[in-house]
Amino acid sequence: MSNCFFCKGKTEVRNVNVDFRWKDKLFVVKNVPLEVCSQCGEKYYSAQISKKLDEFVKKQAEAKIRVQETIQVPVLNWQ
């Protein structure tokens, strides 16, 4: 456990869902263990988790795996 850089709150490891873009695709990866601030919710990726996440999504995308579920995501245009 450490302190949040932004609000100085305590962080703890939680399994969270991560939105991950690879090439032109958006993936939602469930249950990724990240340090999360209990006050403001800021997420911290360790170098090890970041590398594993990159490798995991790339491997899954290239293998054209059967996804567990799909969701619809609204797309907004800023302009």
PDB file of N, CA and C in Angstrom:
ATOM      1  N   MET A   1       0.851  -1.179   0.000  1.00  0.00           N
ATOM      2  CA  MET A   1       0.000   0.000   0.000  1.00  0.00           C
ATOM      3  C   MET A   1       0.893   1.236   0.000  1.00  0.00           C
ATOM      4  N   SER A   2       0.468   2.240  -0.747  1.00  0.00           N
ATOM      5  CA  SER A   2       1.214   3.500  -0.789  1.00  0.00           C
ATOM      6  C   SER A   2       0.226   4.658  -0.791  1.00  0.00           C
ATOM      7  N   ASN A   3       0.731   5.846  -1.006  1.00  0.00           N
ATOM      8  CA  ASN A   3      -0.130   7.026  -1.033  1.00  0.00           C
ATOM      9  C   ASN A   3      -0.331   7.513  -2.458  1.00  0.00           C
ATOM     10  N   CYS A   4      -1.510   8.053  -2.721  1.00  0.00           N
ATOM     11  CA  CYS A   4      -1.856   8.600  -4.026  1.00  0.00           C
ATOM     12  C   CYS A   4      -1.031   9.857  -4.290  1.00  0.00           C
ATOM     13  N   PHE A   5      -0.518   9.962  -5.486  1.00  0.00           N
ATOM     14  CA  PHE A   5       0.266  11.127  -5.884  1.00  0.00           C
ATOM     15  C   PHE A   5      -0.586  12.394  -5.868  1.00  0.00           C
ATOM     16  N   PHE A   6      -1.864  12.281  -6.218  1.00  0.00           N
ATOM     17  CA  PHE A   6      -2.729  13.448  -6.387  1.00  0.00           C
ATOM     18  C   PHE A   6      -3.376  13.924  -5.090  1.00  0.00           C
ATOM     19  N   CYS A   7      -4.013  13.005  -4.351  1.00  0.00           N
ATOM     20  CA  CYS A   7      -4.763  13.439  -3.160  1.00  0.00           C
ATOM     21  C   CYS A   7      -4.146  12.957  -1.850  1.00  0.00           C
ATOM     22  N   LYS A   8      -3.081  12.162  -1.955  1.00  0.00           N
ATOM     23  CA  LYS A   8      -2.368  11.616  -0.790  1.00  0.00           C
ATOM     24  C   LYS A   8      -3.170  10.559  -0.035  1.00  0.00           C
ATOM     25  N   GLY A   9      -4.288  10.104  -0.608  1.00  0.00           N
ATOM     26  CA  GLY A   9      -5.056   9.025   0.008  1.00  0.00           C
ATOM     27  C   GLY A   9      -4.301   7.709  -0.071  1.00  0.00           C
ATOM     28  N   LYS A  10      -4.755   6.732   0.665  1.00  0.00           N
ATOM     29  CA  LYS A  10      -4.132   5.407   0.670  1.00  0.00           C
ATOM     30  C   LYS A  10      -4.563   4.626  -0.566  1.00  0.00           C
ATOM     31  N   THR A  11      -3.632   3.861  -1.122  1.00  0.00           N
ATOM     32  CA  THR A  11      -3.975   2.995  -2.249  1.00  0.00           C
ATOM     33  C   THR A  11      -4.010   1.553  -1.768  1.00  0.00           C
ATOM     34  N   GLU A  12      -4.786   0.756  -2.489  1.00  0.00           N
ATOM     35  CA  GLU A  12      -4.868  -0.671  -2.188  1.00  0.00           C
ATOM     36  C   GLU A  12      -5.046  -1.424  -3.497  1.00  0.00           C
ATOM     37  N   VAL A  13      -4.616  -2.679  -3.510  1.00  0.00           N
ATOM     38  CA  VAL A  13      -4.757  -3.489  -4.715  1.00  0.00           C
ATOM     39  C   VAL A  13      -6.209  -3.925  -4.843  1.00  0.00           C
ATOM     40  N   ARG A  14      -6.771  -3.661  -6.021  1.00  0.00           N
ATOM     41  CA  ARG A  14      -8.140  -4.091  -6.340  1.00  0.00           C
ATOM     42  C   ARG A  14      -8.145  -4.668  -7.742  1.00  0.00           C
ATOM     43  N   ASN A  15      -9.037  -5.600  -7.993  1.00  0.00           N
ATOM     44  CA  ASN A  15      -9.245  -6.106  -9.344  1.00  0.00           C
ATOM     45  C   ASN A  15     -10.261  -5.203 -10.023  1.00  0.00           C
ATOM     46  N   VAL A  16      -9.840  -4.560 -11.107  1.00  0.00           N
ATOM     47  CA  VAL A  16     -10.699  -3.600 -11.804  1.00  0.00           C
ATOM     48  C   VAL A  16     -10.757  -3.930 -13.292  1.00  0.00           C
ATOM     49  N   ASN A  17     -11.743  -3.364 -13.962  1.00  0.00           N
ATOM     50  CA  ASN A  17     -11.859  -3.504 -15.407  1.00  0.00           C
ATOM     51  C   ASN A  17     -11.061  -2.385 -16.068  1.00  0.00           C
ATOM     52  N   VAL A  18     -10.327  -2.737 -17.122  1.00  0.00           N
ATOM     53  CA  VAL A  18      -9.473  -1.782 -17.819  1.00  0.00           C
ATOM     54  C   VAL A  18      -9.911  -1.679 -19.271  1.00  0.00           C
ATOM     55  N   ASP A  19     -10.124  -0.449 -19.743  1.00  0.00           N
ATOM     56  CA  ASP A  19     -10.381  -0.203 -21.166  1.00  0.00           C
ATOM     57  C   ASP A  19      -9.027  -0.106 -21.849  1.00  0.00           C
ATOM     58  N   PHE A  20      -8.822  -0.942 -22.856  1.00  0.00           N
ATOM     59  CA  PHE A  20      -7.508  -1.052 -23.486  1.00  0.00           C
ATOM     60  C   PHE A  20      -7.654  -0.978 -24.994  1.00  0.00           C
ATOM     61  N   ARG A  21      -6.962  -0.047 -25.620  1.00  0.00           N
ATOM     62  CA  ARG A  21      -6.990   0.070 -27.087  1.00  0.00           C
ATOM     63  C   ARG A  21      -5.749  -0.592 -27.666  1.00  0.00           C
ATOM     64  N   TRP A  22      -5.981  -1.396 -28.700  1.00  0.00           N
ATOM     65  CA  TRP A  22      -4.883  -2.015 -29.435  1.00  0.00           C
ATOM     66  C   TRP A  22      -5.244  -1.960 -30.904  1.00  0.00           C
ATOM     67  N   LYS A  23      -4.363  -1.323 -31.678  1.00  0.00           N
ATOM     68  CA  LYS A  23      -4.635  -1.040 -33.089  1.00  0.00           C
ATOM     69  C   LYS A  23      -5.948  -0.270 -33.170  1.00  0.00           C
ATOM     70  N   ASP A  24      -6.924  -0.759 -33.914  1.00  0.00           N
ATOM     71  CA  ASP A  24      -8.184  -0.020 -34.055  1.00  0.00           C
ATOM     72  C   ASP A  24      -9.305  -0.617 -33.217  1.00  0.00           C
ATOM     73  N   LYS A  25      -8.946  -1.416 -32.221  1.00  0.00           N
ATOM     74  CA  LYS A  25      -9.962  -2.101 -31.421  1.00  0.00           C
ATOM     75  C   LYS A  25      -9.917  -1.653 -29.961  1.00  0.00           C
ATOM     76  N   LEU A  26     -11.085  -1.698 -29.344  1.00  0.00           N
ATOM     77  CA  LEU A  26     -11.206  -1.400 -27.920  1.00  0.00           C
ATOM     78  C   LEU A  26     -11.544  -2.690 -27.191  1.00  0.00           C
ATOM     79  N   PHE A  27     -10.751  -3.032 -26.192  1.00  0.00           N
ATOM     80  CA  PHE A  27     -10.979  -4.223 -25.380  1.00  0.00           C
ATOM     81  C   PHE A  27     -11.272  -3.795 -23.950  1.00  0.00           C
ATOM     82  N   VAL A  28     -12.121  -4.538 -23.274  1.00  0.00           N
ATOM     83  CA  VAL A  28     -12.322  -4.368 -21.842  1.00  0.00           C
ATOM     84  C   VAL A  28     -11.746  -5.619 -21.192  1.00  0.00           C
ATOM     85  N   VAL A  29     -10.724  -5.436 -20.378  1.00  0.00           N
ATOM     86  CA  VAL A  29     -10.080  -6.554 -19.701  1.00  0.00           C
ATOM     87  C   VAL A  29     -10.540  -6.527 -18.253  1.00  0.00           C
ATOM     88  N   LYS A  30     -11.171  -7.605 -17.829  1.00  0.00           N
ATOM     89  CA  LYS A  30     -11.733  -7.665 -16.477  1.00  0.00           C
ATOM     90  C   LYS A  30     -10.718  -8.199 -15.471  1.00  0.00           C
ATOM     91  N   ASN A  31     -10.891  -7.775 -14.242  1.00  0.00           N
ATOM     92  CA  ASN A  31     -10.146  -8.299 -13.096  1.00  0.00           C
ATOM     93  C   ASN A  31      -8.638  -8.104 -13.184  1.00  0.00           C
ATOM     94  N   VAL A  32      -8.218  -6.897 -13.559  1.00  0.00           N
ATOM     95  CA  VAL A  32      -6.792  -6.571 -13.605  1.00  0.00           C
ATOM     96  C   VAL A  32      -6.397  -6.029 -12.228  1.00  0.00           C
ATOM     97  N   PRO A  33      -5.374  -6.616 -11.585  1.00  0.00           N
ATOM     98  CA  PRO A  33      -4.979  -6.148 -10.251  1.00  0.00           C
ATOM     99  C   PRO A  33      -4.165  -4.851 -10.332  1.00  0.00           C
ATOM    100  N   LEU A  34      -4.777  -3.757  -9.901  1.00  0.00           N
ATOM    101  CA  LEU A  34      -4.115  -2.451  -9.917  1.00  0.00           C
ATOM    102  C   LEU A  34      -4.146  -1.846  -8.527  1.00  0.00           C
ATOM    103  N   GLU A  35      -3.213  -0.933  -8.274  1.00  0.00           N
ATOM    104  CA  GLU A  35      -3.278  -0.110  -7.068  1.00  0.00           C
ATOM    105  C   GLU A  35      -4.308   0.977  -7.349  1.00  0.00           C
ATOM    106  N   VAL A  36      -5.284   1.132  -6.460  1.00  0.00           N
ATOM    107  CA  VAL A  36      -6.342   2.119  -6.647  1.00  0.00           C
ATOM    108  C   VAL A  36      -6.446   2.970  -5.384  1.00  0.00           C
ATOM    109  N   CYS A  37      -6.520   4.282  -5.570  1.00  0.00           N
ATOM    110  CA  CYS A  37      -6.671   5.184  -4.429  1.00  0.00           C
ATOM    111  C   CYS A  37      -8.070   5.036  -3.845  1.00  0.00           C
ATOM    112  N   SER A  38      -8.143   4.837  -2.545  1.00  0.00           N
ATOM    113  CA  SER A  38      -9.442   4.662  -1.890  1.00  0.00           C
ATOM    114  C   SER A  38     -10.204   5.984  -1.768  1.00  0.00           C
ATOM    115  N   GLN A  39      -9.522   7.122  -1.954  1.00  0.00           N
ATOM    116  CA  GLN A  39     -10.186   8.422  -1.864  1.00  0.00           C
ATOM    117  C   GLN A  39     -10.674   8.928  -3.217  1.00  0.00           C
ATOM    118  N   CYS A  40      -9.762   9.004  -4.198  1.00  0.00           N
ATOM    119  CA  CYS A  40     -10.126   9.631  -5.475  1.00  0.00           C
ATOM    120  C   CYS A  40     -10.293   8.636  -6.624  1.00  0.00           C
ATOM    121  N   GLY A  41      -9.880   7.382  -6.426  1.00  0.00           N
ATOM    122  CA  GLY A  41     -10.065   6.365  -7.457  1.00  0.00           C
ATOM    123  C   GLY A  41      -8.978   6.308  -8.515  1.00  0.00           C
ATOM    124  N   GLU A  42      -7.941   7.124  -8.384  1.00  0.00           N
ATOM    125  CA  GLU A  42      -6.832   7.089  -9.354  1.00  0.00           C
ATOM    126  C   GLU A  42      -6.239   5.679  -9.394  1.00  0.00           C
ATOM    127  N   LYS A  43      -5.919   5.214 -10.620  1.00  0.00           N
ATOM    128  CA  LYS A  43      -5.387   3.861 -10.798  1.00  0.00           C
ATOM    129  C   LYS A  43      -3.904   3.935 -11.130  1.00  0.00           C
ATOM    130  N   TYR A  44      -3.146   3.010 -10.562  1.00  0.00           N
ATOM    131  CA  TYR A  44      -1.711   2.932 -10.795  1.00  0.00           C
ATOM    132  C   TYR A  44      -1.359   1.554 -11.337  1.00  0.00           C
ATOM    133  N   TYR A  45      -0.704   1.556 -12.508  1.00  0.00           N
ATOM    134  CA  TYR A  45      -0.278   0.325 -13.165  1.00  0.00           C
ATOM    135  C   TYR A  45       1.193   0.085 -12.838  1.00  0.00           C
ATOM    136  N   SER A  46       1.519  -1.064 -12.268  1.00  0.00           N
ATOM    137  CA  SER A  46       2.931  -1.392 -12.088  1.00  0.00           C
ATOM    138  C   SER A  46       3.522  -1.705 -13.458  1.00  0.00           C
ATOM    139  N   ALA A  47       4.834  -1.614 -13.578  1.00  0.00           N
ATOM    140  CA  ALA A  47       5.492  -1.931 -14.852  1.00  0.00           C
ATOM    141  C   ALA A  47       5.194  -3.372 -15.249  1.00  0.00           C
ATOM    142  N   GLN A  48       5.183  -4.264 -14.279  1.00  0.00           N
ATOM    143  CA  GLN A  48       4.928  -5.682 -14.551  1.00  0.00           C
ATOM    144  C   GLN A  48       3.512  -5.898 -15.088  1.00  0.00           C
ATOM    145  N   ILE A  49       2.522  -5.297 -14.451  1.00  0.00           N
ATOM    146  CA  ILE A  49       1.130  -5.446 -14.898  1.00  0.00           C
ATOM    147  C   ILE A  49       0.940  -4.792 -16.258  1.00  0.00           C
ATOM    148  N   SER A  50       1.536  -3.637 -16.466  1.00  0.00           N
ATOM    149  CA  SER A  50       1.411  -2.953 -17.751  1.00  0.00           C
ATOM    150  C   SER A  50       1.955  -3.819 -18.883  1.00  0.00           C
ATOM    151  N   LYS A  51       3.115  -4.417 -18.674  1.00  0.00           N
ATOM    152  CA  LYS A  51       3.717  -5.288 -19.686  1.00  0.00           C
ATOM    153  C   LYS A  51       2.848  -6.522 -19.927  1.00  0.00           C
ATOM    154  N   LYS A  52       2.371  -7.149 -18.847  1.00  0.00           N
ATOM    155  CA  LYS A  52       1.517  -8.337 -18.984  1.00  0.00           C
ATOM    156  C   LYS A  52       0.213  -8.005 -19.701  1.00  0.00           C
ATOM    157  N   LEU A  53      -0.346  -6.841 -19.419  1.00  0.00           N
ATOM    158  CA  LEU A  53      -1.587  -6.415 -20.059  1.00  0.00           C
ATOM    159  C   LEU A  53      -1.375  -6.229 -21.562  1.00  0.00           C
ATOM    160  N   ASP A  54      -0.287  -5.565 -21.930  1.00  0.00           N
ATOM    161  CA  ASP A  54       0.051  -5.402 -23.353  1.00  0.00           C
ATOM    162  C   ASP A  54       0.173  -6.755 -24.047  1.00  0.00           C
ATOM    163  N   GLU A  55       0.932  -7.654 -23.438  1.00  0.00           N
ATOM    164  CA  GLU A  55       1.158  -8.976 -24.030  1.00  0.00           C
ATOM    165  C   GLU A  55      -0.134  -9.780 -24.112  1.00  0.00           C
ATOM    166  N   PHE A  56      -0.947  -9.712 -23.064  1.00  0.00           N
ATOM    167  CA  PHE A  56      -2.202 -10.469 -23.015  1.00  0.00           C
ATOM    168  C   PHE A  56      -3.151 -10.032 -24.125  1.00  0.00           C
ATOM    169  N   VAL A  57      -3.363  -8.728 -24.254  1.00  0.00           N
ATOM    170  CA  VAL A  57      -4.299  -8.232 -25.265  1.00  0.00           C
ATOM    171  C   VAL A  57      -3.776  -8.519 -26.666  1.00  0.00           C
ATOM    172  N   LYS A  58      -2.502  -8.294 -26.890  1.00  0.00           N
ATOM    173  CA  LYS A  58      -1.929  -8.560 -28.211  1.00  0.00           C
ATOM    174  C   LYS A  58      -2.095 -10.033 -28.581  1.00  0.00           C
ATOM    175  N   LYS A  59      -1.784 -10.915 -27.652  1.00  0.00           N
ATOM    176  CA  LYS A  59      -1.900 -12.357 -27.907  1.00  0.00           C
ATOM    177  C   LYS A  59      -3.347 -12.742 -28.201  1.00  0.00           C
ATOM    178  N   GLN A  60      -4.267 -12.233 -27.400  1.00  0.00           N
ATOM    179  CA  GLN A  60      -5.680 -12.558 -27.586  1.00  0.00           C
ATOM    180  C   GLN A  60      -6.203 -12.006 -28.908  1.00  0.00           C
ATOM    181  N   ALA A  61      -5.809 -10.785 -29.250  1.00  0.00           N
ATOM    182  CA  ALA A  61      -6.291 -10.152 -30.482  1.00  0.00           C
ATOM    183  C   ALA A  61      -5.746 -10.860 -31.717  1.00  0.00           C
ATOM    184  N   GLU A  62      -4.472 -11.213 -31.686  1.00  0.00           N
ATOM    185  CA  GLU A  62      -3.864 -11.876 -32.837  1.00  0.00           C
ATOM    186  C   GLU A  62      -4.384 -13.293 -33.017  1.00  0.00           C
ATOM    187  N   ALA A  63      -4.750 -13.946 -31.921  1.00  0.00           N
ATOM    188  CA  ALA A  63      -5.261 -15.315 -31.996  1.00  0.00           C
ATOM    189  C   ALA A  63      -6.728 -15.340 -32.413  1.00  0.00           C
ATOM    190  N   LYS A  64      -7.334 -14.156 -32.481  1.00  0.00           N
ATOM    191  CA  LYS A  64      -8.757 -14.040 -32.812  1.00  0.00           C
ATOM    192  C   LYS A  64      -9.596 -14.955 -31.916  1.00  0.00           C
ATOM    193  N   ILE A  65      -9.349 -14.830 -30.648  1.00  0.00           N
ATOM    194  CA  ILE A  65     -10.044 -15.640 -29.650  1.00  0.00           C
ATOM    195  C   ILE A  65     -11.535 -15.350 -29.642  1.00  0.00           C
ATOM    196  N   ARG A  66     -12.253 -16.275 -29.107  1.00  0.00           N
ATOM    197  CA  ARG A  66     -13.687 -16.073 -28.929  1.00  0.00           C
ATOM    198  C   ARG A  66     -13.885 -15.243 -27.667  1.00  0.00           C
ATOM    199  N   VAL A  67     -14.482 -14.096 -27.826  1.00  0.00           N
ATOM    200  CA  VAL A  67     -14.650 -13.203 -26.678  1.00  0.00           C
ATOM    201  C   VAL A  67     -15.700 -13.742 -25.720  1.00  0.00           C
ATOM    202  N   GLN A  68     -15.565 -13.391 -24.454  1.00  0.00           N
ATOM    203  CA  GLN A  68     -16.510 -13.843 -23.439  1.00  0.00           C
ATOM    204  C   GLN A  68     -17.842 -13.125 -23.545  1.00  0.00           C
ATOM    205  N   GLU A  69     -17.786 -11.858 -23.871  1.00  0.00           N
ATOM    206  CA  GLU A  69     -19.010 -11.082 -24.040  1.00  0.00           C
ATOM    207  C   GLU A  69     -18.688  -9.833 -24.843  1.00  0.00           C
ATOM    208  N   THR A  70     -19.696  -9.208 -25.393  1.00  0.00           N
ATOM    209  CA  THR A  70     -19.511  -7.938 -26.083  1.00  0.00           C
ATOM    210  C   THR A  70     -20.458  -6.914 -25.471  1.00  0.00           C
ATOM    211  N   ILE A  71     -20.063  -5.651 -25.573  1.00  0.00           N
ATOM    212  CA  ILE A  71     -20.899  -4.566 -25.073  1.00  0.00           C
ATOM    213  C   ILE A  71     -20.990  -3.497 -26.151  1.00  0.00           C
ATOM    214  N   GLN A  72     -22.015  -2.681 -26.076  1.00  0.00           N
ATOM    215  CA  GLN A  72     -22.121  -1.538 -26.970  1.00  0.00           C
ATOM    216  C   GLN A  72     -21.564  -0.320 -26.247  1.00  0.00           C
ATOM    217  N   VAL A  73     -20.798   0.466 -26.985  1.00  0.00           N
ATOM    218  CA  VAL A  73     -20.176   1.650 -26.401  1.00  0.00           C
ATOM    219  C   VAL A  73     -20.615   2.880 -27.180  1.00  0.00           C
ATOM    220  N   PRO A  74     -21.203   3.873 -26.521  1.00  0.00           N
ATOM    221  CA  PRO A  74     -21.562   5.102 -27.224  1.00  0.00           C
ATOM    222  C   PRO A  74     -20.298   5.824 -27.696  1.00  0.00           C
ATOM    223  N   VAL A  75     -20.344   6.371 -28.890  1.00  0.00           N
ATOM    224  CA  VAL A  75     -19.231   7.142 -29.438  1.00  0.00           C
ATOM    225  C   VAL A  75     -19.688   8.590 -29.554  1.00  0.00           C
ATOM    226  N   LEU A  76     -18.926   9.495 -28.966  1.00  0.00           N
ATOM    227  CA  LEU A  76     -19.270  10.911 -28.965  1.00  0.00           C
ATOM    228  C   LEU A  76     -18.259  11.684 -29.792  1.00  0.00           C
ATOM    229  N   ASN A  77     -18.705  12.724 -30.463  1.00  0.00           N
ATOM    230  CA  ASN A  77     -17.829  13.589 -31.239  1.00  0.00           C
ATOM    231  C   ASN A  77     -17.717  14.927 -30.520  1.00  0.00           C
ATOM    232  N   TRP A  78     -16.529  15.312 -30.149  1.00  0.00           N
ATOM    233  CA  TRP A  78     -16.301  16.539 -29.403  1.00  0.00           C
ATOM    234  C   TRP A  78     -16.734  17.770 -30.182  1.00  0.00           C
ATOM    235  N   GLN A  79     -16.568  17.764 -31.507  1.00  0.00           N
ATOM    236  CA  GLN A  79     -16.875  18.950 -32.311  1.00  0.00           C
ATOM    237  C   GLN A  79     -18.211  18.855 -32.981  1.00  0.00           C
TER     238      GLN A  79
END
